[in-house]
């Protein structure tokens, strides 16, 4: 038993040591550090909620060694930020592993770096897994909840598997302080988009709506059997819906055949589209059912 314990401890220590070659500390909040993952030799991924400035961000990669960085872009929905270093650093870009075969109960290690440049770790099993989920209208490929403690500064660090691969980025910034891991597939997708455009495209149509019940009399008049829809309260001038002919007071019934019971249904329908693609929409106007084609737009970044 002692030998097995010693071997297990040694293997975990080796994983942490190797992972540390791709983990940095990030000073993006005037002295309050988070951690970061070296994506490329001149780029670091970190937790967006920990970044409060766009330039002069300190990236600490060893005791007494740091480099300045600037913010390329961030996606608050996934809590991912991409930093560009002023110069390349002699650290290994992270090796991501797939989370598709990850199972509840697997042992994992969270690896981070302190503001003094020291590597730190926290260990635990995977306590919760689900498939694709959405938060703040953003698609995250997989819900991963590790049963470990994220100490201050751990957000932005990596969750490692037994093979020494990074499963994703740890954060306590999405679910009211509870630790979750943004999977590697989402990290890569978001990082590539931010690197190319400076932001993550958010498909939108430029309307404000609220759910309403459709009276039976209106159902009969419009020849529809839908009991609920979305009442258009505002149409953005020059936006996608405005250009398609949507008017104030219209009642949207469906998109691509998907009916609406609340606003989340719209977000899900739009989430399957990209900017520039068309979406077929049914609506009621003046008691008549109409069909409109809306070309999905890219929500301007804030």
Protein backbone atom coordinates (compact mmCIF):
# COMPACT_ATOMS: atom_id res chain seq x y z
CA UNK A 1 0.00 0.00 0.00
CA UNK A 2 2.83 2.42 0.87
CA UNK A 3 4.47 1.76 -2.50
CA UNK A 4 1.24 2.42 -4.39
CA UNK A 5 0.69 5.65 -2.47
CA UNK A 6 4.23 6.81 -3.15
CA UNK A 7 3.91 6.00 -6.85
CA UNK A 8 0.56 7.79 -7.10
CA UNK A 9 1.94 10.86 -5.32
CA UNK A 10 4.99 10.90 -7.57
CA UNK A 11 2.88 10.70 -10.72
CA UNK A 12 0.61 13.55 -9.58
CA UNK A 13 3.64 15.67 -8.74
CA UNK A 14 5.07 15.02 -12.19
CA UNK A 15 1.80 16.08 -13.85
CA UNK A 16 1.78 19.31 -11.84
CA UNK A 17 5.44 19.99 -12.63
CA UNK A 18 4.91 19.48 -16.35
CA UNK A 19 1.71 21.54 -16.38
CA UNK A 20 3.52 24.37 -14.63
CA UNK A 21 5.59 24.91 -17.77
CA UNK A 22 2.41 26.23 -19.43
CA UNK A 23 0.88 28.16 -16.51
CA UNK A 24 1.44 31.83 -15.65
CA UNK A 25 0.09 34.35 -13.17
CA UNK A 26 -1.81 37.35 -14.57
CA UNK A 27 -1.97 40.74 -12.85
CA UNK A 28 -4.97 42.33 -14.54
CA UNK A 29 -6.65 43.98 -11.55
CA UNK A 30 -4.09 46.28 -9.92
CA UNK A 31 -2.37 43.71 -7.73
CA UNK A 32 -5.08 41.01 -7.69
CA UNK A 33 -3.71 38.12 -9.72
CA UNK A 34 -5.40 35.26 -11.52
CA UNK A 35 -3.72 32.48 -13.47
CA UNK A 36 -3.35 31.96 -17.19
CA UNK A 37 -2.63 29.25 -19.73
CA UNK A 38 0.05 29.70 -22.38
CA UNK A 39 -1.84 29.20 -25.64
CA UNK A 40 0.97 30.26 -27.93
CA UNK A 41 4.41 31.58 -27.07
CA UNK A 42 3.09 35.12 -27.39
CA UNK A 43 -0.49 34.54 -26.18
CA UNK A 44 -2.14 33.63 -22.89
CA UNK A 45 -5.70 32.55 -22.09
CA UNK A 46 -7.14 33.62 -18.75
CA UNK A 47 -10.43 34.28 -16.94
CA UNK A 48 -12.18 37.34 -18.36
CA UNK A 49 -13.69 38.38 -15.03
CA UNK A 50 -10.19 38.86 -13.59
CA UNK A 51 -9.13 41.41 -16.23
CA UNK A 52 -10.00 45.06 -15.46
CA UNK A 53 -7.54 46.83 -17.75
CA UNK A 54 -6.60 46.50 -21.40
CA UNK A 55 -2.92 47.42 -21.37
CA UNK A 56 0.03 47.04 -19.01
CA UNK A 57 -1.19 43.66 -17.81
CA UNK A 58 1.55 41.82 -15.95
CA UNK A 59 2.19 38.18 -16.86
CA UNK A 60 4.42 36.38 -14.34
CA UNK A 61 6.01 33.17 -15.62
CA UNK A 62 8.61 32.51 -12.91
CA UNK A 63 9.77 33.96 -9.62
CA UNK A 64 10.91 37.51 -10.36
CA UNK A 65 10.27 37.18 -14.09
CA UNK A 66 7.39 38.86 -15.87
CA UNK A 67 6.37 40.40 -19.17
CA UNK A 68 3.77 43.01 -20.09
CA UNK A 69 0.69 42.09 -22.11
CA UNK A 70 -2.40 43.70 -23.60
CA UNK A 71 -5.95 42.48 -23.98
CA UNK A 72 -6.80 41.21 -27.48
CA UNK A 73 -10.41 40.49 -26.59
CA UNK A 74 -12.71 38.79 -24.13
CA UNK A 75 -15.91 36.79 -24.11
CA UNK A 76 -17.82 37.30 -20.88
CA UNK A 77 -20.26 34.52 -21.70
CA UNK A 78 -17.54 31.87 -21.45
CA UNK A 79 -15.32 33.95 -19.11
CA UNK A 80 -12.41 33.68 -21.54
CA UNK A 81 -9.92 36.46 -22.28
CA UNK A 82 -6.99 36.38 -24.71
CA UNK A 83 -3.83 38.35 -23.93
CA UNK A 84 -1.03 39.25 -26.33
CA UNK A 85 2.43 39.35 -24.78
CA UNK A 86 4.87 42.11 -25.64
CA UNK A 87 7.44 39.41 -26.33
CA UNK A 88 7.61 35.64 -26.61
CA UNK A 89 8.34 33.73 -23.42
CA UNK A 90 10.28 30.50 -23.02
CA UNK A 91 7.33 28.42 -21.92
CA UNK A 92 5.53 25.51 -23.52
CA UNK A 93 2.17 26.17 -25.18
CA UNK A 94 -0.45 24.07 -23.45
CA UNK A 95 -1.31 20.60 -24.72
CA UNK A 96 -5.09 20.28 -24.67
CA UNK A 97 -6.80 16.95 -24.16
CA UNK A 98 -10.29 15.90 -25.21
CA UNK A 99 -13.09 15.88 -22.63
CA UNK A 100 -15.40 13.64 -24.66
CA UNK A 101 -14.50 10.50 -22.72
CA UNK A 102 -14.27 12.25 -19.34
CA UNK A 103 -16.32 10.50 -16.65
CA UNK A 104 -17.67 11.39 -13.22
CA UNK A 105 -15.25 10.17 -10.58
CA UNK A 106 -12.05 10.72 -12.57
CA UNK A 107 -9.23 12.27 -10.57
CA UNK A 108 -8.05 15.68 -11.78
CA UNK A 109 -5.69 18.43 -10.65
CA UNK A 110 -6.13 22.19 -10.93
CA UNK A 111 -2.81 23.93 -11.55
CA UNK A 112 -2.23 27.67 -11.05
CA UNK A 113 0.59 30.13 -10.36
CA UNK A 114 0.86 32.72 -7.58
CA UNK A 115 1.88 36.36 -7.96
CA UNK A 116 5.29 35.38 -6.60
CA UNK A 117 5.72 32.96 -9.47
CA UNK A 118 5.17 29.72 -7.54
CA UNK A 119 3.20 26.80 -8.94
CA UNK A 120 0.27 25.68 -6.76
CA UNK A 121 -2.28 22.89 -7.15
CA UNK A 122 -5.60 21.58 -5.88
CA UNK A 123 -6.93 18.08 -6.51
CA UNK A 124 -10.29 16.33 -6.65
CA UNK A 125 -12.59 14.17 -8.71
CA UNK A 126 -15.02 15.18 -11.45
CA UNK A 127 -18.30 15.47 -9.57
CA UNK A 128 -20.61 16.58 -12.37
CA UNK A 129 -20.81 16.31 -16.15
CA UNK A 130 -23.44 17.34 -18.65
CA UNK A 131 -23.55 17.96 -22.36
CA UNK A 132 -23.73 21.29 -24.15
CA UNK A 133 -25.15 24.12 -22.08
CA UNK A 134 -25.81 27.82 -22.43
CA UNK A 135 -25.02 30.70 -20.12
CA UNK A 136 -25.62 34.37 -20.95
CA UNK A 137 -26.72 33.34 -24.47
CA UNK A 138 -23.38 31.62 -24.99
CA UNK A 139 -22.82 28.01 -26.01
CA UNK A 140 -20.35 26.03 -23.92
CA UNK A 141 -19.61 22.59 -25.34
CA UNK A 142 -19.75 20.70 -22.04
CA UNK A 143 -20.54 21.32 -18.38
CA UNK A 144 -17.62 20.13 -16.22
CA UNK A 145 -17.71 20.50 -12.44
CA UNK A 146 -14.56 19.43 -10.55
CA UNK A 147 -14.91 18.67 -6.83
CA UNK A 148 -11.93 20.71 -5.71
CA UNK A 149 -11.24 24.08 -4.11
CA UNK A 150 -10.22 26.98 -6.29
CA UNK A 151 -8.09 29.14 -4.03
CA UNK A 152 -7.79 32.88 -4.77
CA UNK A 153 -5.82 33.27 -7.99
CA UNK A 154 -6.73 29.83 -9.35
CA UNK A 155 -9.26 31.15 -11.89
CA UNK A 156 -7.69 31.07 -15.34
CA UNK A 157 -5.53 28.06 -14.53
CA UNK A 158 -5.81 24.60 -16.06
CA UNK A 159 -7.55 21.38 -15.07
CA UNK A 160 -5.21 18.47 -15.79
CA UNK A 161 -5.96 14.80 -16.38
CA UNK A 162 -3.78 11.80 -15.53
CA UNK A 163 -2.11 11.96 -18.95
CA UNK A 164 -0.87 15.48 -18.26
CA UNK A 165 -3.27 17.10 -20.71
CA UNK A 166 -5.23 20.27 -20.02
CA UNK A 167 -8.96 19.53 -20.03
CA UNK A 168 -9.88 23.21 -19.88
CA UNK A 169 -9.74 26.49 -17.99
CA UNK A 170 -10.94 26.69 -14.39
CA UNK A 171 -13.08 29.60 -13.27
CA UNK A 172 -15.22 30.68 -10.38
CA UNK A 173 -16.57 33.62 -12.36
CA UNK A 174 -19.65 32.08 -14.02
CA UNK A 175 -21.71 30.21 -11.42
CA UNK A 176 -21.73 32.45 -8.34
CA UNK A 177 -18.28 31.49 -7.20
CA UNK A 178 -18.64 27.75 -7.72
CA UNK A 179 -15.76 26.16 -9.63
CA UNK A 180 -16.38 24.90 -13.16
CA UNK A 181 -14.07 24.11 -16.05
CA UNK A 182 -14.54 25.59 -19.52
CA UNK A 183 -13.71 22.61 -21.79
CA UNK A 184 -10.71 22.63 -24.10
CA UNK A 185 -12.89 22.53 -27.24
CA UNK A 186 -14.67 25.73 -26.20
CA UNK A 187 -11.36 27.35 -25.24
CA UNK A 188 -9.83 26.62 -28.63
CA UNK A 189 -12.91 27.79 -30.55
CA UNK A 190 -13.24 31.04 -28.62
CA UNK A 191 -9.50 31.76 -28.67
CA UNK A 192 -9.29 31.33 -32.43
CA UNK A 193 -12.23 33.67 -32.98
CA UNK A 194 -10.89 36.35 -30.63
CA UNK A 195 -7.45 36.10 -32.24
CA UNK A 196 -9.01 36.61 -35.68
CA UNK A 197 -11.61 39.30 -34.93
CA UNK A 198 -11.04 40.62 -31.38
CA UNK A 199 -14.42 39.36 -30.17
CA UNK A 200 -16.84 36.44 -30.35
CA UNK A 201 -19.70 36.84 -32.81
CA UNK A 202 -23.14 36.87 -31.20
CA UNK A 203 -25.92 36.24 -33.74
CA UNK A 204 -28.79 38.68 -33.27
CA UNK A 205 -31.77 40.16 -35.13
CA UNK A 206 -32.15 43.52 -33.37
CA UNK A 207 -35.50 43.35 -31.57
CA UNK A 208 -36.83 43.53 -28.02
CA UNK A 209 -39.68 41.11 -27.33
CA UNK A 210 -41.77 39.68 -24.53
CA UNK A 211 -43.75 36.42 -24.34
CA UNK A 212 -47.52 36.68 -24.84
CA UNK A 213 -50.47 34.32 -24.99
CA UNK A 214 -52.35 34.32 -28.29
CA UNK A 215 -56.15 34.49 -27.75
CA UNK A 216 -58.23 31.78 -29.35
CA UNK A 217 -60.02 34.38 -31.47
CA UNK A 218 -56.69 35.57 -32.95
CA UNK A 219 -55.58 31.99 -33.52
CA UNK A 220 -58.70 31.37 -35.59
CA UNK A 221 -58.41 34.66 -37.50
CA UNK A 222 -54.75 34.04 -38.38
CA UNK A 223 -55.31 30.31 -38.97
CA UNK A 224 -52.64 29.22 -36.51
CA UNK A 225 -52.74 26.65 -33.73
CA UNK A 226 -49.95 28.24 -31.69
CA UNK A 227 -51.00 29.40 -28.22
CA UNK A 228 -47.97 31.58 -27.44
CA UNK A 229 -45.56 33.89 -29.21
CA UNK A 230 -43.25 36.86 -28.75
CA UNK A 231 -44.59 40.40 -29.03
CA UNK A 232 -42.19 42.84 -30.69
CA UNK A 233 -41.73 45.89 -28.42
CA UNK A 234 -38.79 47.53 -30.18
CA UNK A 235 -37.06 47.21 -33.56
CA UNK A 236 -33.49 48.47 -33.89
CA UNK A 237 -33.27 50.95 -36.75
CA UNK A 238 -31.21 49.46 -39.55
CA UNK A 239 -30.88 46.13 -37.73
CA UNK A 240 -31.51 42.72 -39.28
CA UNK A 241 -35.19 42.56 -38.27
CA UNK A 242 -35.82 46.12 -39.47
CA UNK A 243 -34.26 45.36 -42.85
CA UNK A 244 -36.42 42.22 -43.11
CA UNK A 245 -39.60 44.24 -42.49
CA UNK A 246 -40.44 43.31 -38.87
CA UNK A 247 -42.70 45.96 -37.29
CA UNK A 248 -43.53 47.06 -33.78
CA UNK A 249 -46.51 45.03 -32.57
CA UNK A 250 -45.80 41.92 -34.66
CA UNK A 251 -46.10 38.60 -32.85
CA UNK A 252 -43.32 36.17 -33.76
CA UNK A 253 -44.52 32.57 -33.86
CA UNK A 254 -41.48 30.52 -34.85
CA UNK A 255 -38.06 30.40 -36.46
CA UNK A 256 -37.21 27.57 -38.82
CA UNK A 257 -40.29 25.78 -37.49
CA UNK A 258 -39.28 26.07 -33.82
CA UNK A 259 -42.10 27.65 -31.83
CA UNK A 260 -41.56 30.09 -28.96
CA UNK A 261 -42.70 29.90 -25.37
CA UNK A 262 -40.06 32.29 -23.99
CA UNK A 263 -37.02 34.28 -25.07
CA UNK A 264 -34.63 31.38 -24.50
CA UNK A 265 -36.22 29.63 -27.47
CA UNK A 266 -35.12 32.53 -29.69
CA UNK A 267 -31.59 32.43 -28.33
CA UNK A 268 -31.39 28.70 -29.00
CA UNK A 269 -32.68 29.11 -32.55
CA UNK A 270 -30.23 31.94 -33.26
CA UNK A 271 -27.41 30.05 -31.56
CA UNK A 272 -27.49 27.53 -34.40
CA UNK A 273 -26.96 30.29 -36.97
CA UNK A 274 -24.00 32.44 -37.95
CA UNK A 275 -23.96 36.05 -39.01
CA UNK A 276 -24.96 36.32 -42.66
CA UNK A 277 -27.20 33.26 -42.64
CA UNK A 278 -30.96 33.54 -43.27
CA UNK A 279 -33.64 32.42 -40.83
CA UNK A 280 -37.26 31.85 -41.85
CA UNK A 281 -39.71 33.42 -39.41
CA UNK A 282 -43.50 33.21 -39.07
CA UNK A 283 -45.43 36.04 -37.44
CA UNK A 284 -48.88 37.53 -36.98
CA UNK A 285 -49.55 41.09 -38.16
CA UNK A 286 -53.01 42.65 -38.18
CA UNK A 287 -54.62 39.27 -37.72
CA UNK A 288 -52.81 37.74 -40.69
CA UNK A 289 -50.02 35.19 -40.70
CA UNK A 290 -46.88 36.24 -42.62
CA UNK A 291 -43.53 34.70 -43.52
CA UNK A 292 -40.35 36.78 -43.42
CA UNK A 293 -36.71 35.99 -44.08
CA UNK A 294 -34.31 37.64 -41.62
CA UNK A 295 -30.60 37.74 -42.33
CA UNK A 296 -28.88 37.16 -38.98
CA UNK A 297 -26.45 39.88 -37.92
CA UNK A 298 -23.37 39.97 -35.70
CA UNK A 299 -24.10 41.78 -32.45
CA UNK A 300 -21.64 44.70 -32.23
CA UNK A 301 -19.11 44.14 -29.39
CA UNK A 302 -19.45 46.39 -26.37
